[in-house]
């Protein structure tokens, strides 16, 4: 499982172990699975698609701007704003 955290400047919005997250990167959407190579990307306004299981229906969360970091622990999305 991929450890995923969604953070804004105000708070930790979500921390969960998931199958995959698709992030709206400024260079295009990218999917992150467990074991993904480390990297950082800026993100554009759009929707995160969070897959709890391999064939499951994704949950979407609207985000605005920020950065995404994939590291040895998992994926951290540092969003400027998360729509309620």
PDB file of N, CA and C in Angstrom:
ATOM      1  N   UNK A   1       0.842  -1.198   0.000  1.00  0.00           N
ATOM      2  CA  UNK A   1       0.000   0.000   0.000  1.00  0.00           C
ATOM      3  C   UNK A   1       0.880   1.253   0.000  1.00  0.00           C
ATOM      4  N   UNK A   2       0.358   2.297  -0.596  1.00  0.00           N
ATOM      5  CA  UNK A   2       1.028   3.594  -0.673  1.00  0.00           C
ATOM      6  C   UNK A   2       0.554   4.458   0.488  1.00  0.00           C
ATOM      7  N   UNK A   3       1.490   5.018   1.258  1.00  0.00           N
ATOM      8  CA  UNK A   3       1.100   5.961   2.306  1.00  0.00           C
ATOM      9  C   UNK A   3       0.917   7.332   1.652  1.00  0.00           C
ATOM     10  N   UNK A   4      -0.268   7.937   1.853  1.00  0.00           N
ATOM     11  CA  UNK A   4      -0.647   9.197   1.210  1.00  0.00           C
ATOM     12  C   UNK A   4      -1.034  10.216   2.273  1.00  0.00           C
ATOM     13  N   UNK A   5      -0.502  11.435   2.122  1.00  0.00           N
ATOM     14  CA  UNK A   5      -0.895  12.540   2.995  1.00  0.00           C
ATOM     15  C   UNK A   5      -1.258  13.750   2.149  1.00  0.00           C
ATOM     16  N   UNK A   6      -2.354  14.392   2.509  1.00  0.00           N
ATOM     17  CA  UNK A   6      -2.792  15.641   1.881  1.00  0.00           C
ATOM     18  C   UNK A   6      -2.728  16.711   2.963  1.00  0.00           C
ATOM     19  N   UNK A   7      -1.925  17.753   2.697  1.00  0.00           N
ATOM     20  CA  UNK A   7      -1.655  18.784   3.697  1.00  0.00           C
ATOM     21  C   UNK A   7      -1.901  20.162   3.084  1.00  0.00           C
ATOM     22  N   UNK A   8      -2.480  21.068   3.880  1.00  0.00           N
ATOM     23  CA  UNK A   8      -2.581  22.481   3.504  1.00  0.00           C
ATOM     24  C   UNK A   8      -1.727  23.266   4.496  1.00  0.00           C
ATOM     25  N   UNK A   9      -1.508  24.565   4.259  1.00  0.00           N
ATOM     26  CA  UNK A   9      -0.750  25.348   5.241  1.00  0.00           C
ATOM     27  C   UNK A   9      -1.389  25.343   6.633  1.00  0.00           C
ATOM     28  N   UNK A  10      -2.701  25.095   6.708  1.00  0.00           N
ATOM     29  CA  UNK A  10      -3.398  25.135   7.989  1.00  0.00           C
ATOM     30  C   UNK A  10      -3.398  23.813   8.739  1.00  0.00           C
ATOM     31  N   UNK A  11      -3.456  22.670   7.992  1.00  0.00           N
ATOM     32  CA  UNK A  11      -3.654  21.402   8.702  1.00  0.00           C
ATOM     33  C   UNK A  11      -3.374  20.196   7.816  1.00  0.00           C
ATOM     34  N   UNK A  12      -3.282  19.056   8.469  1.00  0.00           N
ATOM     35  CA  UNK A  12      -3.243  17.770   7.781  1.00  0.00           C
ATOM     36  C   UNK A  12      -4.689  17.426   7.438  1.00  0.00           C
ATOM     37  N   UNK A  13      -5.000  17.351   6.146  1.00  0.00           N
ATOM     38  CA  UNK A  13      -6.368  17.094   5.710  1.00  0.00           C
ATOM     39  C   UNK A  13      -6.668  15.601   5.725  1.00  0.00           C
ATOM     40  N   UNK A  14      -5.671  14.806   5.302  1.00  0.00           N
ATOM     41  CA  UNK A  14      -5.901  13.363   5.211  1.00  0.00           C
ATOM     42  C   UNK A  14      -4.580  12.610   5.258  1.00  0.00           C
ATOM     43  N   UNK A  15      -4.577  11.482   5.927  1.00  0.00           N
ATOM     44  CA  UNK A  15      -3.446  10.551   5.921  1.00  0.00           C
ATOM     45  C   UNK A  15      -4.049   9.156   5.835  1.00  0.00           C
ATOM     46  N   UNK A  16      -3.622   8.392   4.827  1.00  0.00           N
ATOM     47  CA  UNK A  16      -4.261   7.107   4.577  1.00  0.00           C
ATOM     48  C   UNK A  16      -3.318   6.210   3.796  1.00  0.00           C
ATOM     49  N   UNK A  17      -3.521   4.910   3.897  1.00  0.00           N
ATOM     50  CA  UNK A  17      -2.820   3.964   3.047  1.00  0.00           C
ATOM     51  C   UNK A  17      -3.764   3.578   1.919  1.00  0.00           C
ATOM     52  N   UNK A  18      -3.331   3.797   0.676  1.00  0.00           N
ATOM     53  CA  UNK A  18      -4.182   3.610  -0.493  1.00  0.00           C
ATOM     54  C   UNK A  18      -3.430   2.805  -1.558  1.00  0.00           C
ATOM     55  N   UNK A  19      -4.159   2.413  -2.598  1.00  0.00           N
ATOM     56  CA  UNK A  19      -3.543   1.679  -3.700  1.00  0.00           C
ATOM     57  C   UNK A  19      -2.792   2.623  -4.643  1.00  0.00           C
ATOM     58  N   UNK A  20      -3.467   3.723  -5.059  1.00  0.00           N
ATOM     59  CA  UNK A  20      -2.864   4.651  -6.014  1.00  0.00           C
ATOM     60  C   UNK A  20      -3.518   6.027  -5.885  1.00  0.00           C
ATOM     61  N   UNK A  21      -2.748   7.071  -6.203  1.00  0.00           N
ATOM     62  CA  UNK A  21      -3.270   8.438  -6.271  1.00  0.00           C
ATOM     63  C   UNK A  21      -2.849   9.024  -7.616  1.00  0.00           C
ATOM     64  N   UNK A  22      -3.808   9.651  -8.317  1.00  0.00           N
ATOM     65  CA  UNK A  22      -3.511  10.363  -9.556  1.00  0.00           C
ATOM     66  C   UNK A  22      -3.537  11.855  -9.224  1.00  0.00           C
ATOM     67  N   UNK A  23      -2.422  12.527  -9.512  1.00  0.00           N
ATOM     68  CA  UNK A  23      -2.204  13.918  -9.119  1.00  0.00           C
ATOM     69  C   UNK A  23      -2.231  14.811 -10.361  1.00  0.00           C
ATOM     70  N   UNK A  24      -2.902  15.981 -10.285  1.00  0.00           N
ATOM     71  CA  UNK A  24      -2.895  16.916 -11.418  1.00  0.00           C
ATOM     72  C   UNK A  24      -1.612  17.750 -11.452  1.00  0.00           C
ATOM     73  N   UNK A  25      -0.569  17.216 -12.045  1.00  0.00           N
ATOM     74  CA  UNK A  25       0.704  17.924 -12.144  1.00  0.00           C
ATOM     75  C   UNK A  25       0.657  19.022 -13.192  1.00  0.00           C
ATOM     76  N   UNK A  26       1.516  20.009 -13.074  1.00  0.00           N
ATOM     77  CA  UNK A  26       1.532  21.099 -14.055  1.00  0.00           C
ATOM     78  C   UNK A  26       1.981  20.615 -15.431  1.00  0.00           C
ATOM     79  N   UNK A  27       2.737  19.506 -15.484  1.00  0.00           N
ATOM     80  CA  UNK A  27       3.176  18.931 -16.757  1.00  0.00           C
ATOM     81  C   UNK A  27       2.223  17.841 -17.228  1.00  0.00           C
ATOM     82  N   UNK A  28       1.148  17.611 -16.496  1.00  0.00           N
ATOM     83  CA  UNK A  28       0.186  16.566 -16.825  1.00  0.00           C
ATOM     84  C   UNK A  28      -0.090  15.695 -15.611  1.00  0.00           C
ATOM     85  N   UNK A  29      -1.193  14.969 -15.655  1.00  0.00           N
ATOM     86  CA  UNK A  29      -1.552  14.092 -14.543  1.00  0.00           C
ATOM     87  C   UNK A  29      -0.539  12.961 -14.419  1.00  0.00           C
ATOM     88  N   UNK A  30      -0.278  12.539 -13.185  1.00  0.00           N
ATOM     89  CA  UNK A  30       0.608  11.395 -12.977  1.00  0.00           C
ATOM     90  C   UNK A  30       0.062  10.534 -11.839  1.00  0.00           C
ATOM     91  N   UNK A  31       0.221   9.229 -12.000  1.00  0.00           N
ATOM     92  CA  UNK A  31      -0.230   8.277 -10.995  1.00  0.00           C
ATOM     93  C   UNK A  31       0.935   7.823 -10.140  1.00  0.00           C
ATOM     94  N   UNK A  32       0.678   7.631  -8.850  1.00  0.00           N
ATOM     95  CA  UNK A  32       1.708   7.184  -7.922  1.00  0.00           C
ATOM     96  C   UNK A  32       1.224   5.906  -7.248  1.00  0.00           C
ATOM     97  N   UNK A  33       2.034   4.860  -7.389  1.00  0.00           N
ATOM     98  CA  UNK A  33       1.800   3.579  -6.727  1.00  0.00           C
ATOM     99  C   UNK A  33       2.895   3.360  -5.696  1.00  0.00           C
ATOM    100  N   UNK A  34       2.712   2.382  -4.826  1.00  0.00           N
ATOM    101  CA  UNK A  34       3.744   2.011  -3.869  1.00  0.00           C
ATOM    102  C   UNK A  34       5.033   1.681  -4.621  1.00  0.00           C
ATOM    103  N   UNK A  35       6.173   2.161  -4.105  1.00  0.00           N
ATOM    104  CA  UNK A  35       7.456   1.876  -4.726  1.00  0.00           C
ATOM    105  C   UNK A  35       7.842   2.819  -5.851  1.00  0.00           C
ATOM    106  N   UNK A  36       7.053   3.880  -6.077  1.00  0.00           N
ATOM    107  CA  UNK A  36       7.357   4.857  -7.134  1.00  0.00           C
ATOM    108  C   UNK A  36       8.704   5.516  -6.858  1.00  0.00           C
ATOM    109  N   UNK A  37       9.428   5.835  -7.914  1.00  0.00           N
ATOM    110  CA  UNK A  37      10.709   6.534  -7.778  1.00  0.00           C
ATOM    111  C   UNK A  37      10.493   7.909  -7.136  1.00  0.00           C
ATOM    112  N   UNK A  38      11.408   8.354  -6.286  1.00  0.00           N
ATOM    113  CA  UNK A  38      11.280   9.664  -5.646  1.00  0.00           C
ATOM    114  C   UNK A  38      11.325  10.807  -6.670  1.00  0.00           C
ATOM    115  N   UNK A  39      10.465  11.801  -6.487  1.00  0.00           N
ATOM    116  CA  UNK A  39      10.515  13.022  -7.287  1.00  0.00           C
ATOM    117  C   UNK A  39       9.606  14.065  -6.676  1.00  0.00           C
ATOM    118  N   UNK A  40       9.729  15.291  -7.201  1.00  0.00           N
ATOM    119  CA  UNK A  40       8.851  16.388  -6.790  1.00  0.00           C
ATOM    120  C   UNK A  40       8.244  17.007  -8.033  1.00  0.00           C
ATOM    121  N   UNK A  41       7.033  17.554  -7.889  1.00  0.00           N
ATOM    122  CA  UNK A  41       6.352  18.212  -8.998  1.00  0.00           C
ATOM    123  C   UNK A  41       5.472  19.327  -8.454  1.00  0.00           C
ATOM    124  N   UNK A  42       5.328  20.378  -9.230  1.00  0.00           N
ATOM    125  CA  UNK A  42       4.305  21.370  -8.904  1.00  0.00           C
ATOM    126  C   UNK A  42       2.971  20.805  -9.378  1.00  0.00           C
ATOM    127  N   UNK A  43       1.894  21.260  -8.749  1.00  0.00           N
ATOM    128  CA  UNK A  43       0.569  20.789  -9.137  1.00  0.00           C
ATOM    129  C   UNK A  43      -0.303  21.968  -9.540  1.00  0.00           C
ATOM    130  N   UNK A  44      -1.210  21.690 -10.449  1.00  0.00           N
ATOM    131  CA  UNK A  44      -2.147  22.712 -10.915  1.00  0.00           C
ATOM    132  C   UNK A  44      -3.495  22.503 -10.215  1.00  0.00           C
ATOM    133  N   UNK A  45      -4.373  23.469 -10.352  1.00  0.00           N
ATOM    134  CA  UNK A  45      -5.728  23.310  -9.834  1.00  0.00           C
ATOM    135  C   UNK A  45      -6.370  22.115 -10.534  1.00  0.00           C
ATOM    136  N   UNK A  46      -6.991  21.255  -9.770  1.00  0.00           N
ATOM    137  CA  UNK A  46      -7.619  20.070 -10.349  1.00  0.00           C
ATOM    138  C   UNK A  46      -8.085  19.133  -9.262  1.00  0.00           C
ATOM    139  N   UNK A  47      -8.273  17.863  -9.640  1.00  0.00           N
ATOM    140  CA  UNK A  47      -8.776  16.883  -8.692  1.00  0.00           C
ATOM    141  C   UNK A  47      -7.776  15.760  -8.484  1.00  0.00           C
ATOM    142  N   UNK A  48      -7.539  15.443  -7.214  1.00  0.00           N
ATOM    143  CA  UNK A  48      -6.809  14.224  -6.866  1.00  0.00           C
ATOM    144  C   UNK A  48      -7.786  13.072  -7.024  1.00  0.00           C
ATOM    145  N   UNK A  49      -7.345  11.974  -7.607  1.00  0.00           N
ATOM    146  CA  UNK A  49      -8.157  10.760  -7.678  1.00  0.00           C
ATOM    147  C   UNK A  49      -7.478   9.731  -6.780  1.00  0.00           C
ATOM    148  N   UNK A  50      -8.181   9.317  -5.734  1.00  0.00           N
ATOM    149  CA  UNK A  50      -7.614   8.421  -4.727  1.00  0.00           C
ATOM    150  C   UNK A  50      -8.283   7.059  -4.858  1.00  0.00           C
ATOM    151  N   UNK A  51      -7.472   6.052  -5.188  1.00  0.00           N
ATOM    152  CA  UNK A  51      -7.960   4.688  -5.349  1.00  0.00           C
ATOM    153  C   UNK A  51      -7.596   3.881  -4.102  1.00  0.00           C
ATOM    154  N   UNK A  52      -8.596   3.458  -3.341  1.00  0.00           N
ATOM    155  CA  UNK A  52      -8.340   2.646  -2.140  1.00  0.00           C
ATOM    156  C   UNK A  52      -7.913   1.231  -2.526  1.00  0.00           C
ATOM    157  N   UNK A  53      -8.449   0.708  -3.643  1.00  0.00           N
ATOM    158  CA  UNK A  53      -8.120  -0.637  -4.112  1.00  0.00           C
ATOM    159  C   UNK A  53      -7.814  -0.576  -5.606  1.00  0.00           C
ATOM    160  N   UNK A  54      -7.223  -1.647  -6.134  1.00  0.00           N
ATOM    161  CA  UNK A  54      -6.781  -1.669  -7.526  1.00  0.00           C
ATOM    162  C   UNK A  54      -7.911  -1.425  -8.512  1.00  0.00           C
ATOM    163  N   UNK A  55      -9.063  -2.038  -8.314  1.00  0.00           N
ATOM    164  CA  UNK A  55     -10.167  -1.894  -9.267  1.00  0.00           C
ATOM    165  C   UNK A  55     -11.308  -1.051  -8.729  1.00  0.00           C
ATOM    166  N   UNK A  56     -11.051  -0.320  -7.652  1.00  0.00           N
ATOM    167  CA  UNK A  56     -12.103   0.466  -7.018  1.00  0.00           C
ATOM    168  C   UNK A  56     -12.408   1.757  -7.765  1.00  0.00           C
ATOM    169  N   UNK A  57     -13.528   2.351  -7.407  1.00  0.00           N
ATOM    170  CA  UNK A  57     -13.907   3.657  -7.936  1.00  0.00           C
ATOM    171  C   UNK A  57     -13.144   4.719  -7.154  1.00  0.00           C
ATOM    172  N   UNK A  58     -12.523   5.683  -7.849  1.00  0.00           N
ATOM    173  CA  UNK A  58     -11.733   6.672  -7.117  1.00  0.00           C
ATOM    174  C   UNK A  58     -12.582   7.691  -6.377  1.00  0.00           C
ATOM    175  N   UNK A  59     -12.068   8.110  -5.239  1.00  0.00           N
ATOM    176  CA  UNK A  59     -12.614   9.267  -4.524  1.00  0.00           C
ATOM    177  C   UNK A  59     -11.866  10.470  -5.064  1.00  0.00           C
ATOM    178  N   UNK A  60     -12.556  11.580  -5.315  1.00  0.00           N
ATOM    179  CA  UNK A  60     -11.879  12.768  -5.830  1.00  0.00           C
ATOM    180  C   UNK A  60     -11.938  13.893  -4.807  1.00  0.00           C
ATOM    181  N   UNK A  61     -10.846  14.636  -4.739  1.00  0.00           N
ATOM    182  CA  UNK A  61     -10.750  15.798  -3.859  1.00  0.00           C
ATOM    183  C   UNK A  61     -10.202  16.947  -4.696  1.00  0.00           C
ATOM    184  N   UNK A  62     -10.909  18.066  -4.717  1.00  0.00           N
ATOM    185  CA  UNK A  62     -10.502  19.250  -5.478  1.00  0.00           C
ATOM    186  C   UNK A  62      -9.396  19.980  -4.719  1.00  0.00           C
ATOM    187  N   UNK A  63      -8.284  20.233  -5.412  1.00  0.00           N
ATOM    188  CA  UNK A  63      -7.172  20.954  -4.800  1.00  0.00           C
ATOM    189  C   UNK A  63      -6.794  22.140  -5.679  1.00  0.00           C
ATOM    190  N   UNK A  64      -6.104  23.098  -5.080  1.00  0.00           N
ATOM    191  CA  UNK A  64      -5.638  24.277  -5.805  1.00  0.00           C
ATOM    192  C   UNK A  64      -4.166  24.493  -5.503  1.00  0.00           C
ATOM    193  N   UNK A  65      -3.344  24.393  -6.552  1.00  0.00           N
ATOM    194  CA  UNK A  65      -1.928  24.703  -6.467  1.00  0.00           C
ATOM    195  C   UNK A  65      -1.150  23.931  -5.426  1.00  0.00           C
ATOM    196  N   UNK A  66       0.172  24.075  -5.489  1.00  0.00           N
ATOM    197  CA  UNK A  66       1.029  23.474  -4.494  1.00  0.00           C
ATOM    198  C   UNK A  66       2.090  22.570  -5.094  1.00  0.00           C
ATOM    199  N   UNK A  67       2.493  21.576  -4.312  1.00  0.00           N
ATOM    200  CA  UNK A  67       3.565  20.658  -4.691  1.00  0.00           C
ATOM    201  C   UNK A  67       3.186  19.236  -4.308  1.00  0.00           C
ATOM    202  N   UNK A  68       3.775  18.281  -5.002  1.00  0.00           N
ATOM    203  CA  UNK A  68       3.654  16.869  -4.638  1.00  0.00           C
ATOM    204  C   UNK A  68       5.063  16.316  -4.499  1.00  0.00           C
ATOM    205  N   UNK A  69       5.281  15.518  -3.458  1.00  0.00           N
ATOM    206  CA  UNK A  69       6.579  14.894  -3.253  1.00  0.00           C
ATOM    207  C   UNK A  69       6.385  13.395  -3.055  1.00  0.00           C
ATOM    208  N   UNK A  70       7.096  12.616  -3.855  1.00  0.00           N
ATOM    209  CA  UNK A  70       7.147  11.174  -3.665  1.00  0.00           C
ATOM    210  C   UNK A  70       8.503  10.878  -3.040  1.00  0.00           C
ATOM    211  N   UNK A  71       8.489  10.174  -1.891  1.00  0.00           N
ATOM    212  CA  UNK A  71       9.744   9.837  -1.217  1.00  0.00           C
ATOM    213  C   UNK A  71       9.681   8.395  -0.734  1.00  0.00           C
ATOM    214  N   UNK A  72      10.641   7.983   0.041  1.00  0.00           N
ATOM    215  CA  UNK A  72      10.690   6.616   0.526  1.00  0.00           C
ATOM    216  C   UNK A  72       9.535   6.236   1.434  1.00  0.00           C
ATOM    217  N   UNK A  73       8.851   7.215   1.992  1.00  0.00           N
ATOM    218  CA  UNK A  73       7.725   6.965   2.890  1.00  0.00           C
ATOM    219  C   UNK A  73       6.412   6.856   2.108  1.00  0.00           C
ATOM    220  N   UNK A  74       6.279   7.620   1.013  1.00  0.00           N
ATOM    221  CA  UNK A  74       5.045   7.612   0.237  1.00  0.00           C
ATOM    222  C   UNK A  74       4.877   8.905  -0.537  1.00  0.00           C
ATOM    223  N   UNK A  75       3.633   9.363  -0.642  1.00  0.00           N
ATOM    224  CA  UNK A  75       3.281  10.573  -1.390  1.00  0.00           C
ATOM    225  C   UNK A  75       2.734  11.624  -0.431  1.00  0.00           C
ATOM    226  N   UNK A  76       3.286  12.835  -0.527  1.00  0.00           N
ATOM    227  CA  UNK A  76       2.762  13.971   0.225  1.00  0.00           C
ATOM    228  C   UNK A  76       2.353  15.036  -0.782  1.00  0.00           C
ATOM    229  N   UNK A  77       1.086  15.457  -0.710  1.00  0.00           N
ATOM    230  CA  UNK A  77       0.588  16.554  -1.541  1.00  0.00           C
ATOM    231  C   UNK A  77       0.436  17.759  -0.625  1.00  0.00           C
ATOM    232  N   UNK A  78       1.183  18.818  -0.936  1.00  0.00           N
ATOM    233  CA  UNK A  78       1.136  20.074  -0.186  1.00  0.00           C
ATOM    234  C   UNK A  78       0.312  21.050  -1.006  1.00  0.00           C
ATOM    235  N   UNK A  79      -0.972  21.115  -0.754  1.00  0.00           N
ATOM    236  CA  UNK A  79      -1.885  21.931  -1.555  1.00  0.00           C
ATOM    237  C   UNK A  79      -2.076  23.302  -0.911  1.00  0.00           C
ATOM    238  N   UNK A  80      -2.171  24.331  -1.752  1.00  0.00           N
ATOM    239  CA  UNK A  80      -2.464  25.673  -1.243  1.00  0.00           C
ATOM    240  C   UNK A  80      -3.858  25.742  -0.650  1.00  0.00           C
ATOM    241  N   UNK A  81      -4.793  25.007  -1.259  1.00  0.00           N
ATOM    242  CA  UNK A  81      -6.167  25.020  -0.790  1.00  0.00           C
ATOM    243  C   UNK A  81      -6.840  23.708  -1.180  1.00  0.00           C
ATOM    244  N   UNK A  82      -7.730  23.226  -0.311  1.00  0.00           N
ATOM    245  CA  UNK A  82      -8.536  22.034  -0.579  1.00  0.00           C
ATOM    246  C   UNK A  82      -9.982  22.454  -0.494  1.00  0.00           C
ATOM    247  N   UNK A  83     -10.747  22.188  -1.564  1.00  0.00           N
ATOM    248  CA  UNK A  83     -12.173  22.553  -1.573  1.00  0.00           C
ATOM    249  C   UNK A  83     -12.933  21.705  -0.565  1.00  0.00           C
ATOM    250  N   UNK A  84     -13.855  22.347   0.118  1.00  0.00           N
ATOM    251  CA  UNK A  84     -14.633  21.635   1.157  1.00  0.00           C
ATOM    252  C   UNK A  84     -15.641  20.687   0.559  1.00  0.00           C
TER     253      UNK A  84
END
